[in-house]
Amino acid sequence: MQQDFDVFIIGGGINGCGIARDAAGRGLKVGLAEMNDLASATSSASTKLFHGGLRYLEFFEFGLVRKALIEREVLLKNMPHISWPMRFVLPYHKDMRFENDTPTSKLLSAIMPWMKGRRPAWLIRLGLFMYDNLGGRQILPGTWTVDLTTKPVGKPLKNKFKRAYEYSDCWIEDSRLVVLNARDAEERGAKIMTRTKVISATRAGDHWEIVAETGGEQTTYTARALVNAGGPWVENVVREVARLNTSEGVRLVRGSHIVTKKIFDHDKSYFFQGEDGRIIFAIPYETDFTLIGTTDAEHENLQEKPYATEEEQDYLCAFASQYFDKPVTRDDVVWTYSGVRPLYDDGAKSATAATRDYVLSLDDNGAPLLNIFGGKITTYRKLAENALKKLVPLIGGDAPWTDTAPLPGGDFPVSQRDHLVSELQTTYSFLDDAWALRLIRGYGTEAKEILGAAKTAQDLGHDFGATLSEAEVRWVMANEYARTAEDIVWRRTKLGLRLTKDQITALDAYMGA
């Protein structure tokens, strides 16, 4: 029997789209169904970082950190438009503490009980030395010490902070990462179906029969293998869609963030350690704002859409205010977002301690079913590669290939992004600095496709506000699966921070016409 697909993937987050791209590039026939917009849940609600996970060293997750650190530079090379190097400043003070349940905290308490859970400076420096060297760093600079009394990064901080450590990680536009993986998969032959809900998946001998619903109409597909990349819904897919039992599960952990008015003027980020053992980041965001997060809270009800509660907002404001000289208050908050991280349930006592690594569970009792539990955005490409490592012996496929293949728009060297901005302004003289930078950060070398032969801003059609033109809207609708204003202003861009409600309503009306 001729199958519609070799691989059918449920879930259009970063894991699902990453697997779709990898599989399509190996010559496999791929279908992917996402019940909402791409990256509509967890994958658009991260802290927007490619990072090794400095904090994970406290849990002795050396393998995960090494894997993530190696990937950090691989990914940076392949998507220099939506990812870029970022320096992090870690202020030091003697009151910094571990979370009590970390292995490092327990070990230090046993051999140095007088420290009473505090993080000594030598231990932080040791951790940063490992962070610099575990992953074979090539592009990013290493750690150095900063005098906060003389450097600009010290000005926004309280006077008690005299010294800091500065290290490297990378920014990533998370929702655009998902979309670009989906686009590349489609260009390699995959069928990407958004707003398509899988109703049932049934084994029928050597294949799966999948019933999917789009706009009230049901279609049946067949596939040799099924991949469950449902994220927070991964258990639901196993039990309710495939109607199978499983002993494996996820731990739903809500991570909330606040976006405030701009707190500091420089382009570096802060890594803050709390007296309760937790950490948060304060990151320059969309030029005029500061992103602060994240929390770790148990999220019991999957039917309840995650949001940043008043308690979480107050917690983040109070945490940041322990460091910033000017207190951060709820009045400074302009936007919040929250996502549910589907961590593999390893039995950890707390949400903070639960592993961030992924588990790939293959059920080959008949047509293969691969369930994806957990994962980090930084390791999504390796997750996809390892998923195919499990499937290729069963369904065929070519060799791995994604480690050196740029995503759409990312075909330029890491060091050339600023040059691309200048070049775009030379070609299109009506672009100001902020507009040109936004287009390059979003679309890279494809920005010229959007602007076309335009000589003036008026040539781009209707101005929806905040530099969002009709030409850009049409291009995103045609190429990036956008169907509503929300898709564009919060996931393809972050212009929702700048557009008014009336402007967003007008955009919705235009897209629905």
Protein backbone atom coordinates (compact mmCIF):
# COMPACT_ATOMS: atom_id res chain seq x y z
CA MET A 1 0.00 0.00 0.00
CA GLN A 2 1.32 3.41 -1.00
CA GLN A 3 1.53 5.63 2.07
CA ASP A 4 0.81 9.36 2.07
CA PHE A 5 3.83 9.98 4.31
CA ASP A 6 6.86 8.23 5.68
CA VAL A 7 6.61 10.31 8.86
CA PHE A 8 3.60 12.14 10.29
CA ILE A 9 4.33 14.62 13.10
CA ILE A 10 1.81 15.90 15.62
CA GLY A 11 2.81 19.30 16.99
CA GLY A 12 4.13 22.49 15.40
CA GLY A 13 6.47 23.67 18.13
CA ILE A 14 10.23 23.70 17.82
CA ASN A 15 10.65 19.93 18.29
CA GLY A 16 8.01 19.02 15.72
CA CYS A 17 9.22 21.53 13.11
CA GLY A 18 12.86 20.64 13.75
CA ILE A 19 12.13 16.94 13.16
CA ALA A 20 10.07 17.78 10.05
CA ARG A 21 12.97 19.75 8.57
CA ASP A 22 15.56 17.07 9.34
CA ALA A 23 13.37 14.26 7.98
CA ALA A 24 12.42 16.13 4.80
CA GLY A 25 16.09 16.85 4.11
CA ARG A 26 16.81 13.11 4.30
CA GLY A 27 14.42 12.43 1.43
CA LEU A 28 11.48 11.28 3.57
CA LYS A 29 7.88 12.22 2.85
CA VAL A 30 6.79 14.29 5.85
CA GLY A 31 3.46 15.59 7.10
CA LEU A 32 3.04 17.85 10.14
CA ALA A 33 -0.19 18.93 11.82
CA GLU A 34 -0.45 21.76 14.37
CA MET A 35 -3.84 22.45 15.92
CA ASN A 36 -3.18 26.19 16.22
CA ASP A 37 -0.54 28.52 14.77
CA LEU A 38 3.08 27.42 14.71
CA ALA A 39 4.88 28.12 18.00
CA SER A 40 1.58 29.08 19.60
CA ALA A 41 2.43 27.55 22.99
CA THR A 42 5.72 26.77 24.74
CA SER A 43 8.01 27.54 21.79
CA SER A 44 7.09 31.24 21.72
CA ALA A 45 7.25 31.67 25.50
CA SER A 46 10.91 31.00 26.26
CA THR A 47 13.49 33.39 27.69
CA LYS A 48 14.78 33.76 24.08
CA LEU A 49 18.22 32.29 24.74
CA PHE A 50 20.52 29.73 23.19
CA HIS A 51 22.45 28.86 26.33
CA GLY A 52 24.30 26.01 27.90
CA GLY A 53 22.41 26.27 31.17
CA LEU A 54 24.93 27.63 33.65
CA ARG A 55 22.58 26.79 36.52
CA TYR A 56 22.35 23.13 35.42
CA LEU A 57 25.95 22.62 36.56
CA GLU A 58 24.65 22.79 40.13
CA PHE A 59 22.60 19.68 39.35
CA PHE A 60 25.64 17.89 37.87
CA GLU A 61 23.97 17.84 34.41
CA PHE A 62 27.36 18.09 32.73
CA GLY A 63 26.33 16.09 29.67
CA LEU A 64 23.33 18.34 29.01
CA VAL A 65 25.41 21.50 29.47
CA ARG A 66 28.17 20.24 27.16
CA LYS A 67 25.63 19.25 24.50
CA ALA A 68 23.92 22.65 24.73
CA LEU A 69 27.20 24.60 24.63
CA ILE A 70 28.33 22.80 21.48
CA GLU A 71 24.97 23.43 19.84
CA ARG A 72 25.00 27.10 20.79
CA GLU A 73 27.69 27.92 18.24
CA VAL A 74 26.43 25.47 15.61
CA LEU A 75 23.06 27.23 15.69
CA LEU A 76 24.56 30.72 15.74
CA LYS A 77 26.40 29.99 12.49
CA ASN A 78 23.23 28.71 10.80
CA MET A 79 20.87 31.53 11.78
CA PRO A 80 22.85 34.74 12.38
CA HIS A 81 19.82 36.90 11.58
CA ILE A 82 17.57 35.60 14.37
CA SER A 83 20.38 34.72 16.79
CA TRP A 84 23.30 36.80 17.98
CA PRO A 85 25.97 36.79 20.68
CA MET A 86 25.07 38.35 23.99
CA ARG A 87 27.24 39.09 27.04
CA PHE A 88 25.84 38.37 30.49
CA VAL A 89 26.91 40.16 33.67
CA LEU A 90 26.72 38.11 36.87
CA PRO A 91 27.10 40.45 39.87
CA TYR A 92 28.60 38.82 42.93
CA HIS A 93 27.60 39.31 46.55
CA LYS A 94 28.26 37.12 49.58
CA ASP A 95 24.52 36.67 50.24
CA MET A 96 23.95 34.61 47.09
CA ARG A 97 22.67 31.15 47.87
CA PHE A 98 21.96 27.76 46.33
CA GLU A 99 18.58 26.17 46.18
CA ASN A 100 18.74 23.73 49.10
CA ASP A 101 17.98 20.62 47.06
CA THR A 102 20.75 20.91 44.46
CA PRO A 103 23.49 18.26 44.59
CA THR A 104 26.13 21.01 44.76
CA SER A 105 24.39 22.64 47.72
CA LYS A 106 24.22 19.35 49.60
CA LEU A 107 27.87 18.56 48.89
CA LEU A 108 29.07 22.02 49.92
CA SER A 109 26.96 21.94 53.09
CA ALA A 110 28.55 18.63 54.01
CA ILE A 111 32.16 19.75 53.56
CA MET A 112 31.75 23.46 54.36
CA PRO A 113 28.78 23.73 56.76
CA TRP A 114 29.75 27.23 57.83
CA MET A 115 28.80 28.53 54.35
CA LYS A 116 25.11 27.85 55.12
CA GLY A 117 24.08 27.47 51.48
CA ARG A 118 25.98 30.50 50.15
CA ARG A 119 27.67 30.43 46.74
CA PRO A 120 31.35 31.27 47.29
CA ALA A 121 33.11 33.31 44.61
CA TRP A 122 35.58 30.52 43.83
CA LEU A 123 32.74 28.12 43.08
CA ILE A 124 31.07 30.57 40.67
CA ARG A 125 34.40 31.11 38.92
CA LEU A 126 34.91 27.34 38.69
CA GLY A 127 31.45 26.95 37.18
CA LEU A 128 32.18 29.67 34.62
CA PHE A 129 35.53 28.06 33.76
CA MET A 130 33.68 24.82 33.01
CA TYR A 131 31.06 26.80 31.06
CA ASP A 132 33.80 28.34 28.92
CA ASN A 133 35.50 25.04 28.14
CA LEU A 134 33.01 22.17 28.18
CA GLY A 135 31.68 22.91 24.70
CA GLY A 136 34.82 23.69 22.72
CA ARG A 137 34.02 27.39 22.30
CA GLN A 138 35.17 28.91 18.96
CA ILE A 139 33.23 32.12 18.24
CA LEU A 140 32.09 33.47 21.58
CA PRO A 141 34.52 35.18 23.98
CA GLY A 142 35.17 33.69 27.39
CA THR A 143 34.59 34.94 30.92
CA TRP A 144 36.29 37.91 32.52
CA THR A 145 35.92 39.86 35.73
CA VAL A 146 34.25 43.30 35.73
CA ASP A 147 34.73 46.18 38.17
CA LEU A 148 31.18 47.43 38.68
CA THR A 149 32.37 50.64 40.34
CA THR A 150 33.91 51.90 37.10
CA LYS A 151 32.09 50.16 34.22
CA PRO A 152 28.77 51.27 32.66
CA VAL A 153 27.17 47.89 33.51
CA GLY A 154 27.51 48.79 37.19
CA LYS A 155 25.59 52.08 36.99
CA PRO A 156 22.04 50.63 37.15
CA LEU A 157 22.95 48.39 40.10
CA LYS A 158 22.98 49.00 43.84
CA ASN A 159 26.26 50.21 45.30
CA LYS A 160 26.80 47.01 47.31
CA PHE A 161 27.68 45.19 44.09
CA LYS A 162 31.35 45.88 43.44
CA ARG A 163 32.38 42.95 41.27
CA ALA A 164 30.85 40.83 38.52
CA TYR A 165 31.70 38.08 36.09
CA GLU A 166 30.90 38.57 32.41
CA TYR A 167 30.32 35.55 30.14
CA SER A 168 28.77 34.69 26.76
CA ASP A 169 25.50 33.18 25.59
CA CYS A 170 23.24 33.88 22.60
CA TRP A 171 19.87 35.48 21.92
CA ILE A 172 17.33 33.63 19.76
CA GLU A 173 14.04 34.79 18.28
CA ASP A 174 12.22 31.64 19.41
CA SER A 175 8.95 31.80 17.45
CA ARG A 176 10.77 32.80 14.25
CA LEU A 177 13.07 29.81 14.75
CA VAL A 178 10.03 27.54 14.62
CA VAL A 179 8.58 29.18 11.53
CA LEU A 180 11.88 29.06 9.63
CA ASN A 181 12.29 25.36 10.41
CA ALA A 182 8.77 24.75 9.10
CA ARG A 183 9.45 26.80 5.97
CA ASP A 184 12.67 24.94 5.24
CA ALA A 185 10.90 21.63 5.78
CA GLU A 186 8.21 22.64 3.31
CA GLU A 187 10.76 23.79 0.75
CA ARG A 188 12.26 20.28 1.01
CA GLY A 189 8.91 18.63 0.33
CA ALA A 190 7.13 18.46 3.70
CA LYS A 191 3.41 19.21 4.03
CA ILE A 192 2.91 21.71 6.87
CA MET A 193 -0.70 21.90 8.08
CA THR A 194 -1.51 24.61 10.60
CA ARG A 195 -4.84 24.92 12.40
CA THR A 196 -5.24 21.21 11.84
CA LYS A 197 -6.14 19.03 14.81
CA VAL A 198 -5.39 15.31 14.82
CA ILE A 199 -8.54 13.55 16.02
CA SER A 200 -7.24 9.99 16.05
CA ALA A 201 -4.22 7.90 15.11
CA THR A 202 -4.66 4.15 14.73
CA ARG A 203 -2.18 1.39 13.95
CA ALA A 204 -3.25 -0.59 10.90
CA GLY A 205 -0.65 -3.31 10.41
CA ASP A 206 2.58 -1.73 9.21
CA HIS A 207 1.27 1.84 9.11
CA TRP A 208 -0.74 4.49 10.92
CA GLU A 209 -4.12 5.87 9.87
CA ILE A 210 -4.41 9.48 11.03
CA VAL A 211 -7.64 11.47 11.01
CA ALA A 212 -7.09 15.23 11.04
CA GLU A 213 -9.62 18.07 11.07
CA THR A 214 -9.11 21.42 9.34
CA GLY A 215 -11.89 24.02 9.30
CA GLY A 216 -14.50 21.42 10.24
CA GLU A 217 -13.49 19.01 7.47
CA GLN A 218 -11.84 15.68 8.26
CA THR A 219 -9.13 14.03 6.17
CA THR A 220 -7.52 10.62 6.65
CA TYR A 221 -3.77 10.25 6.08
CA THR A 222 -1.50 7.22 6.23
CA ALA A 223 2.08 7.15 7.46
CA ARG A 224 4.75 4.55 8.13
CA ALA A 225 5.77 6.24 11.40
CA LEU A 226 4.13 8.66 13.84
CA VAL A 227 5.99 11.28 15.88
CA ASN A 228 4.28 12.73 18.92
CA ALA A 229 5.77 16.19 19.46
CA GLY A 230 2.74 17.48 21.34
CA GLY A 231 4.78 19.36 23.96
CA PRO A 232 2.55 19.87 27.01
CA TRP A 233 -0.05 17.67 25.32
CA VAL A 234 2.31 14.74 24.68
CA GLU A 235 0.53 12.47 27.19
CA ASN A 236 -2.87 13.46 25.79
CA VAL A 237 -1.75 12.43 22.31
CA VAL A 238 -0.62 9.02 23.56
CA ARG A 239 -3.71 8.31 25.64
CA GLU A 240 -6.52 10.10 23.79
CA VAL A 241 -5.36 10.28 20.16
CA ALA A 242 -3.37 7.05 19.77
CA ARG A 243 -5.38 5.41 22.59
CA LEU A 244 -2.34 3.71 24.09
CA ASN A 245 -1.11 3.33 27.65
CA THR A 246 2.19 4.79 28.86
CA SER A 247 4.07 4.85 32.12
CA GLU A 248 6.03 7.94 31.04
CA GLY A 249 4.81 11.45 31.59
CA VAL A 250 5.63 15.12 31.75
CA ARG A 251 5.87 17.57 34.56
CA LEU A 252 4.14 20.80 33.59
CA VAL A 253 6.13 23.79 34.80
CA ARG A 254 4.99 27.36 34.13
CA GLY A 255 7.65 29.90 33.25
CA SER A 256 6.46 33.51 33.35
CA HIS A 257 8.16 36.68 32.16
CA ILE A 258 7.56 40.40 32.45
CA VAL A 259 8.55 43.05 29.92
CA THR A 260 9.20 46.47 31.42
CA LYS A 261 10.10 49.91 30.25
CA LYS A 262 13.82 50.09 29.46
CA ILE A 263 15.80 49.82 32.72
CA PHE A 264 19.37 50.28 31.42
CA ASP A 265 21.01 51.76 28.31
CA HIS A 266 23.78 49.28 27.44
CA ASP A 267 23.40 46.12 25.33
CA LYS A 268 24.49 43.56 27.94
CA SER A 269 22.23 41.32 30.01
CA TYR A 270 22.21 40.45 33.70
CA PHE A 271 22.21 37.09 35.44
CA PHE A 272 20.80 37.63 38.93
CA GLN A 273 21.08 35.12 41.79
CA GLY A 274 18.53 35.37 44.57
CA GLU A 275 18.83 34.75 48.28
CA ASP A 276 16.30 31.93 47.74
CA GLY A 277 18.70 30.08 45.43
CA ARG A 278 16.80 30.87 42.22
CA ILE A 279 18.07 32.88 39.26
CA ILE A 280 16.52 35.30 36.78
CA PHE A 281 17.71 37.20 33.71
CA ALA A 282 17.26 40.88 32.84
CA ILE A 283 17.77 41.27 29.08
CA PRO A 284 17.59 44.20 26.61
CA TYR A 285 14.44 43.56 24.59
CA GLU A 286 13.18 45.00 21.32
CA THR A 287 15.41 48.08 21.69
CA ASP A 288 13.17 50.01 24.09
CA PHE A 289 12.29 47.41 26.74
CA THR A 290 13.76 45.02 29.29
CA LEU A 291 12.78 41.34 29.57
CA ILE A 292 12.85 39.82 33.08
CA GLY A 293 12.29 36.14 33.85
CA THR A 294 11.68 33.39 34.47
CA THR A 295 9.69 31.69 37.20
CA ASP A 296 9.32 27.97 37.86
CA ALA A 297 5.84 27.08 39.09
CA GLU A 298 3.87 23.86 38.86
CA HIS A 299 1.04 24.10 36.31
CA GLU A 300 -1.56 21.51 37.21
CA ASN A 301 -4.34 22.18 34.71
CA LEU A 302 -3.44 21.96 31.03
CA GLN A 303 -6.87 23.31 30.11
CA GLU A 304 -6.00 26.59 31.85
CA LYS A 305 -4.03 28.92 29.58
CA PRO A 306 -0.82 29.95 31.33
CA TYR A 307 -0.40 33.57 32.31
CA ALA A 308 1.89 35.55 34.57
CA THR A 309 -0.01 35.73 37.85
CA GLU A 310 0.10 38.80 40.07
CA GLU A 311 2.23 36.80 42.51
CA GLU A 312 4.74 35.91 39.78
CA GLN A 313 4.89 39.50 38.55
CA ASP A 314 5.47 40.73 42.10
CA TYR A 315 8.14 38.07 42.60
CA LEU A 316 10.05 39.10 39.46
CA CYS A 317 9.79 42.80 40.32
CA ALA A 318 11.03 42.19 43.86
CA PHE A 319 13.84 39.91 42.65
CA ALA A 320 15.10 42.47 40.13
CA SER A 321 14.78 45.24 42.72
CA GLN A 322 17.32 43.42 44.91
CA TYR A 323 19.87 44.36 42.25
CA PHE A 324 18.71 47.49 40.43
CA ASP A 325 19.22 50.77 42.24
CA LYS A 326 15.83 52.00 41.05
CA PRO A 327 13.12 49.58 42.21
CA VAL A 328 11.16 47.72 39.51
CA THR A 329 7.42 47.95 40.11
CA ARG A 330 4.25 46.66 38.47
CA ASP A 331 3.79 50.15 37.00
CA ASP A 332 6.89 49.51 34.87
CA VAL A 333 5.42 46.35 33.33
CA VAL A 334 4.12 46.80 29.77
CA TRP A 335 3.53 43.16 28.84
CA THR A 336 3.73 39.68 30.30
CA TYR A 337 3.83 36.22 28.83
CA SER A 338 3.93 32.71 30.16
CA GLY A 339 4.46 29.22 28.81
CA VAL A 340 4.23 25.68 30.09
CA ARG A 341 7.44 23.68 29.87
CA PRO A 342 6.71 19.96 29.43
CA LEU A 343 9.65 18.59 31.42
CA TYR A 344 10.22 14.86 31.54
CA ASP A 345 8.89 13.62 34.87
CA ASP A 346 12.02 12.26 36.54
CA GLY A 347 10.55 12.40 40.04
CA ALA A 348 12.45 15.51 41.14
CA LYS A 349 11.23 17.13 44.34
CA SER A 350 10.82 20.60 42.83
CA ALA A 351 10.09 22.19 39.47
CA THR A 352 13.49 23.89 39.53
CA ALA A 353 15.29 20.57 40.03
CA ALA A 354 13.45 18.67 37.25
CA THR A 355 15.73 17.76 34.34
CA ARG A 356 15.74 20.01 31.24
CA ASP A 357 17.05 17.19 29.05
CA TYR A 358 14.82 15.34 26.62
CA VAL A 359 13.73 11.71 26.43
CA LEU A 360 12.88 10.00 23.12
CA SER A 361 10.63 7.01 23.73
CA LEU A 362 10.20 4.63 20.77
CA ASP A 363 7.24 2.24 20.68
CA ASP A 364 7.94 -0.16 17.81
CA ASN A 365 5.25 -2.69 18.68
CA GLY A 366 3.87 -2.39 15.15
CA ALA A 367 4.15 0.79 13.11
CA PRO A 368 6.66 3.00 14.96
CA LEU A 369 5.51 5.69 17.42
CA LEU A 370 8.14 8.10 18.73
CA ASN A 371 7.11 10.16 21.77
CA ILE A 372 9.09 13.32 22.57
CA PHE A 373 9.31 14.23 26.26
CA GLY A 374 10.92 17.45 27.42
CA GLY A 375 13.78 19.25 25.71
CA LYS A 376 15.38 22.69 25.49
CA ILE A 377 15.21 25.11 22.61
CA THR A 378 19.03 25.11 22.48
CA THR A 379 19.18 21.39 21.78
CA TYR A 380 16.24 21.16 19.39
CA ARG A 381 18.45 20.33 16.38
CA LYS A 382 20.24 17.49 18.21
CA LEU A 383 16.88 16.24 19.45
CA ALA A 384 15.66 16.09 15.85
CA GLU A 385 18.86 14.38 14.73
CA ASN A 386 18.55 11.77 17.49
CA ALA A 387 14.86 11.26 16.68
CA LEU A 388 15.81 10.39 13.10
CA LYS A 389 18.58 8.14 14.41
CA LYS A 390 15.82 6.04 15.97
CA LEU A 391 13.50 6.16 12.95
CA VAL A 392 15.88 5.76 9.99
CA PRO A 393 16.67 2.06 10.71
CA LEU A 394 12.92 1.41 10.57
CA ILE A 395 11.78 3.58 7.64
CA GLY A 396 14.96 4.54 5.80
CA GLY A 397 16.39 7.99 5.08
CA ASP A 398 19.66 9.68 4.25
CA ALA A 399 22.49 10.80 6.54
CA PRO A 400 22.39 13.73 9.03
CA TRP A 401 22.81 17.11 7.36
CA THR A 402 21.47 20.00 9.46
CA ASP A 403 24.66 20.97 11.32
CA THR A 404 25.97 23.08 8.43
CA ALA A 405 22.75 24.14 6.69
CA PRO A 406 21.55 27.73 7.29
CA LEU A 407 17.90 28.48 7.84
CA PRO A 408 16.08 30.68 5.29
CA GLY A 409 17.58 34.17 5.35
CA GLY A 410 20.60 33.05 7.39
CA ASP A 411 23.06 32.54 4.54
CA PHE A 412 25.66 35.08 5.70
CA PRO A 413 28.55 35.10 8.21
CA VAL A 414 27.86 35.85 11.89
CA SER A 415 30.03 38.96 11.71
CA GLN A 416 28.16 40.50 8.77
CA ARG A 417 24.75 41.32 10.26
CA ASP A 418 25.52 45.02 10.80
CA HIS A 419 26.84 45.16 7.22
CA LEU A 420 23.53 43.74 5.98
CA VAL A 421 21.66 46.47 7.87
CA SER A 422 23.79 49.18 6.24
CA GLU A 423 23.46 47.58 2.82
CA LEU A 424 19.67 47.44 3.19
CA GLN A 425 19.56 51.14 4.07
CA THR A 426 21.76 51.96 1.08
CA THR A 427 19.36 50.15 -1.26
CA TYR A 428 16.22 51.44 0.48
CA SER A 429 17.07 54.94 1.68
CA PHE A 430 13.66 55.45 3.33
CA LEU A 431 14.49 52.90 6.06
CA ASP A 432 15.61 54.36 9.38
CA ASP A 433 18.05 52.46 11.62
CA ALA A 434 15.39 50.75 13.76
CA TRP A 435 13.31 49.66 10.77
CA ALA A 436 16.29 48.24 8.87
CA LEU A 437 17.58 46.41 11.96
CA ARG A 438 14.15 44.88 12.62
CA LEU A 439 13.89 43.58 9.06
CA ILE A 440 17.37 42.03 9.08
CA ARG A 441 16.84 40.49 12.52
CA GLY A 442 13.58 39.00 11.31
CA TYR A 443 14.24 38.02 7.72
CA GLY A 444 18.00 38.26 7.08
CA THR A 445 18.84 38.19 3.39
CA GLU A 446 15.13 37.71 2.57
CA ALA A 447 14.33 41.27 3.70
CA LYS A 448 14.93 42.43 0.13
CA GLU A 449 12.21 40.04 -1.08
CA ILE A 450 9.72 41.88 1.12
CA LEU A 451 10.80 45.36 0.04
CA GLY A 452 11.07 44.44 -3.63
CA ALA A 453 11.40 47.40 -6.00
CA ALA A 454 10.11 49.98 -3.50
CA LYS A 455 11.64 53.45 -3.76
CA THR A 456 9.57 55.02 -0.97
CA ALA A 457 7.71 53.80 2.09
CA GLN A 458 4.48 54.51 0.22
CA ASP A 459 5.44 51.91 -2.38
CA LEU A 460 5.04 49.24 0.34
CA GLY A 461 1.28 49.85 0.53
CA HIS A 462 -0.78 50.53 3.64
CA ASP A 463 1.10 51.45 6.81
CA PHE A 464 -0.35 49.44 9.72
CA GLY A 465 1.88 51.29 12.19
CA ALA A 466 5.25 50.70 13.84
CA THR A 467 6.94 50.09 10.42
CA LEU A 468 4.60 47.18 9.58
CA SER A 469 3.75 47.60 5.91
CA GLU A 470 1.19 45.93 3.69
CA ALA A 471 4.05 44.41 1.68
CA GLU A 472 5.44 42.72 4.80
CA VAL A 473 2.00 41.47 5.85
CA ARG A 474 1.35 39.97 2.41
CA TRP A 475 4.78 38.31 2.39
CA VAL A 476 4.35 36.82 5.86
CA MET A 477 0.87 35.53 4.98
CA ALA A 478 2.16 33.94 1.77
CA ASN A 479 5.37 32.46 3.16
CA GLU A 480 5.08 32.05 6.93
CA TYR A 481 1.62 30.56 7.61
CA ALA A 482 0.26 33.70 9.34
CA ARG A 483 -3.53 33.92 9.35
CA THR A 484 -4.40 36.42 12.09
CA ALA A 485 -3.03 39.67 13.48
CA GLU A 486 -1.91 37.82 16.62
CA ASP A 487 0.26 35.53 14.49
CA ILE A 488 2.10 38.54 13.08
CA VAL A 489 2.33 40.98 15.99
CA TRP A 490 3.32 38.42 18.66
CA ARG A 491 4.98 35.48 16.87
CA ARG A 492 6.35 36.60 13.47
CA THR A 493 7.32 39.93 15.07
CA LYS A 494 6.94 41.58 18.49
CA LEU A 495 5.23 44.68 17.12
CA GLY A 496 2.34 44.09 19.52
CA LEU A 497 4.50 46.06 21.98
CA ARG A 498 4.17 49.14 19.75
CA LEU A 499 0.84 48.85 17.95
CA THR A 500 -2.42 50.11 19.46
CA LYS A 501 -5.50 47.92 19.87
CA ASP A 502 -7.18 49.78 17.01
CA GLN A 503 -4.18 49.18 14.74
CA ILE A 504 -4.19 45.46 15.57
CA THR A 505 -7.96 45.30 14.92
CA ALA A 506 -7.44 46.96 11.53
CA LEU A 507 -4.70 44.44 10.70
CA ASP A 508 -7.00 41.56 11.65
CA ALA A 509 -9.73 42.94 9.40
CA TYR A 510 -7.29 43.26 6.49
CA MET A 511 -6.01 39.69 6.91
CA GLY A 512 -9.52 38.28 7.18
CA ALA A 513 -10.87 40.09 4.13
